[in-house]
């Protein structure tokens, strides 16, 4: 949603050599509790939006709050996305 609202900014960020990667379409806080179809829709829709805005498919995905669930791996595989995450969280 925000990428579409600020399409010019996304394009400028990419044009200046920065990566523009996938973090879901609408950043739902409940992402890790969604079922596989809803998760897939969030990831896939944002892939399409970012590809349209930058001319390239994102290669990386970071889930909201870094929280994963068992369905995410297959979705990322299908979308050809690598996972960006961490092993510790500060809860700050």
C-alpha atoms as a PDB file:
ATOM      1  CA  UNK A   1       0.000   0.000   0.000  1.00  0.00           C
ATOM      2  CA  UNK A   2       2.706   2.498   0.995  1.00  0.00           C
ATOM      3  CA  UNK A   3       4.871   1.662  -2.005  1.00  0.00           C
ATOM      4  CA  UNK A   4       1.975   2.509  -4.313  1.00  0.00           C
ATOM      5  CA  UNK A   5       1.172   5.701  -2.399  1.00  0.00           C
ATOM      6  CA  UNK A   6       4.775   6.832  -2.691  1.00  0.00           C
ATOM      7  CA  UNK A   7       5.658   5.370  -6.086  1.00  0.00           C
ATOM      8  CA  UNK A   8       7.931   8.280  -6.983  1.00  0.00           C
ATOM      9  CA  UNK A   9       9.921   7.872  -3.787  1.00  0.00           C
ATOM     10  CA  UNK A  10      10.293   4.119  -4.344  1.00  0.00           C
ATOM     11  CA  UNK A  11      11.522   4.773  -7.869  1.00  0.00           C
ATOM     12  CA  UNK A  12      13.998   7.393  -6.650  1.00  0.00           C
ATOM     13  CA  UNK A  13      15.340   5.101  -3.918  1.00  0.00           C
ATOM     14  CA  UNK A  14      15.875   2.354  -6.467  1.00  0.00           C
ATOM     15  CA  UNK A  15      17.382   4.744  -9.040  1.00  0.00           C
ATOM     16  CA  UNK A  16      19.966   5.838  -6.470  1.00  0.00           C
ATOM     17  CA  UNK A  17      21.188   2.262  -6.160  1.00  0.00           C
ATOM     18  CA  UNK A  18      19.366   1.076  -3.054  1.00  0.00           C
ATOM     19  CA  UNK A  19      17.606  -2.242  -2.757  1.00  0.00           C
ATOM     20  CA  UNK A  20      13.820  -2.272  -2.663  1.00  0.00           C
ATOM     21  CA  UNK A  21      12.670  -5.574  -1.237  1.00  0.00           C
ATOM     22  CA  UNK A  22       9.458  -7.266  -0.063  1.00  0.00           C
ATOM     23  CA  UNK A  23       7.984  -6.716   3.417  1.00  0.00           C
ATOM     24  CA  UNK A  24       4.347  -7.639   2.525  1.00  0.00           C
ATOM     25  CA  UNK A  25       1.821  -5.508   0.701  1.00  0.00           C
ATOM     26  CA  UNK A  26      -0.075  -4.049   3.669  1.00  0.00           C
ATOM     27  CA  UNK A  27       2.184  -4.974   6.615  1.00  0.00           C
ATOM     28  CA  UNK A  28      -0.465  -6.791   8.670  1.00  0.00           C
ATOM     29  CA  UNK A  29       0.631  -7.235  12.269  1.00  0.00           C
ATOM     30  CA  UNK A  30      -1.118 -10.615  12.201  1.00  0.00           C
ATOM     31  CA  UNK A  31       0.928 -11.851   9.216  1.00  0.00           C
ATOM     32  CA  UNK A  32       2.508 -14.770  11.075  1.00  0.00           C
ATOM     33  CA  UNK A  33      -0.940 -15.993  12.162  1.00  0.00           C
ATOM     34  CA  UNK A  34      -2.482 -15.890   8.679  1.00  0.00           C
ATOM     35  CA  UNK A  35      -3.256 -18.980   6.698  1.00  0.00           C
ATOM     36  CA  UNK A  36      -1.149 -19.863   3.667  1.00  0.00           C
ATOM     37  CA  UNK A  37      -3.498 -18.320   1.068  1.00  0.00           C
ATOM     38  CA  UNK A  38      -3.624 -14.941   2.820  1.00  0.00           C
ATOM     39  CA  UNK A  39       0.137 -14.951   3.383  1.00  0.00           C
ATOM     40  CA  UNK A  40       0.776 -15.847  -0.236  1.00  0.00           C
ATOM     41  CA  UNK A  41      -1.508 -13.017  -1.399  1.00  0.00           C
ATOM     42  CA  UNK A  42       0.361 -10.439   0.722  1.00  0.00           C
ATOM     43  CA  UNK A  43       3.764 -11.546  -0.555  1.00  0.00           C
ATOM     44  CA  UNK A  44       2.712 -12.025  -4.176  1.00  0.00           C
ATOM     45  CA  UNK A  45       0.858  -8.721  -4.443  1.00  0.00           C
ATOM     46  CA  UNK A  46       3.849  -6.807  -3.130  1.00  0.00           C
ATOM     47  CA  UNK A  47       6.171  -8.649  -5.528  1.00  0.00           C
ATOM     48  CA  UNK A  48       4.029  -7.403  -8.408  1.00  0.00           C
ATOM     49  CA  UNK A  49       3.846  -3.826  -7.097  1.00  0.00           C
ATOM     50  CA  UNK A  50       7.584  -3.530  -6.482  1.00  0.00           C
ATOM     51  CA  UNK A  51       8.452  -5.133  -9.818  1.00  0.00           C
ATOM     52  CA  UNK A  52       6.187  -2.624 -11.534  1.00  0.00           C
ATOM     53  CA  UNK A  53       7.758   0.323  -9.694  1.00  0.00           C
ATOM     54  CA  UNK A  54      11.409  -0.695 -10.066  1.00  0.00           C
ATOM     55  CA  UNK A  55      11.489  -2.922 -13.139  1.00  0.00           C
ATOM     56  CA  UNK A  56      12.917  -5.848 -11.161  1.00  0.00           C
ATOM     57  CA  UNK A  57      11.533  -8.604  -8.965  1.00  0.00           C
ATOM     58  CA  UNK A  58      12.557  -8.277  -5.317  1.00  0.00           C
ATOM     59  CA  UNK A  59      14.934 -11.026  -4.212  1.00  0.00           C
ATOM     60  CA  UNK A  60      14.477 -10.782  -0.447  1.00  0.00           C
ATOM     61  CA  UNK A  61      11.584 -10.909   2.025  1.00  0.00           C
ATOM     62  CA  UNK A  62      11.412  -9.844   5.656  1.00  0.00           C
ATOM     63  CA  UNK A  63       8.235 -10.757   7.520  1.00  0.00           C
ATOM     64  CA  UNK A  64       6.564  -8.140   9.738  1.00  0.00           C
ATOM     65  CA  UNK A  65       8.170  -8.272  13.193  1.00  0.00           C
ATOM     66  CA  UNK A  66      10.443 -11.000  11.818  1.00  0.00           C
ATOM     67  CA  UNK A  67       7.963 -13.668  12.901  1.00  0.00           C
ATOM     68  CA  UNK A  68       7.631 -16.730  10.671  1.00  0.00           C
ATOM     69  CA  UNK A  69       5.268 -19.672  10.534  1.00  0.00           C
ATOM     70  CA  UNK A  70       5.443 -23.107   8.860  1.00  0.00           C
ATOM     71  CA  UNK A  71       3.808 -21.942   5.594  1.00  0.00           C
ATOM     72  CA  UNK A  72       6.256 -19.152   4.854  1.00  0.00           C
ATOM     73  CA  UNK A  73       9.114 -21.281   3.485  1.00  0.00           C
ATOM     74  CA  UNK A  74       7.052 -22.743   0.618  1.00  0.00           C
ATOM     75  CA  UNK A  75       5.624 -19.320  -0.260  1.00  0.00           C
ATOM     76  CA  UNK A  76       9.104 -17.809  -0.445  1.00  0.00           C
ATOM     77  CA  UNK A  77      10.327 -20.732  -2.529  1.00  0.00           C
ATOM     78  CA  UNK A  78       7.470 -20.268  -5.001  1.00  0.00           C
ATOM     79  CA  UNK A  79       8.160 -16.522  -5.239  1.00  0.00           C
ATOM     80  CA  UNK A  80      11.949 -17.098  -5.490  1.00  0.00           C
ATOM     81  CA  UNK A  81      12.584 -14.987  -2.410  1.00  0.00           C
ATOM     82  CA  UNK A  82      15.316 -15.340   0.178  1.00  0.00           C
ATOM     83  CA  UNK A  83      14.434 -14.774   3.840  1.00  0.00           C
ATOM     84  CA  UNK A  84      15.892 -11.911   5.856  1.00  0.00           C
ATOM     85  CA  UNK A  85      15.462 -12.496   9.579  1.00  0.00           C
ATOM     86  CA  UNK A  86      17.333 -12.544  12.847  1.00  0.00           C
ATOM     87  CA  UNK A  87      17.918 -15.035  15.628  1.00  0.00           C
ATOM     88  CA  UNK A  88      17.343 -12.681  18.568  1.00  0.00           C
ATOM     89  CA  UNK A  89      14.793  -9.956  19.270  1.00  0.00           C
ATOM     90  CA  UNK A  90      15.190  -7.129  21.756  1.00  0.00           C
ATOM     91  CA  UNK A  91      11.458  -6.404  22.252  1.00  0.00           C
ATOM     92  CA  UNK A  92      12.377  -2.754  22.733  1.00  0.00           C
END
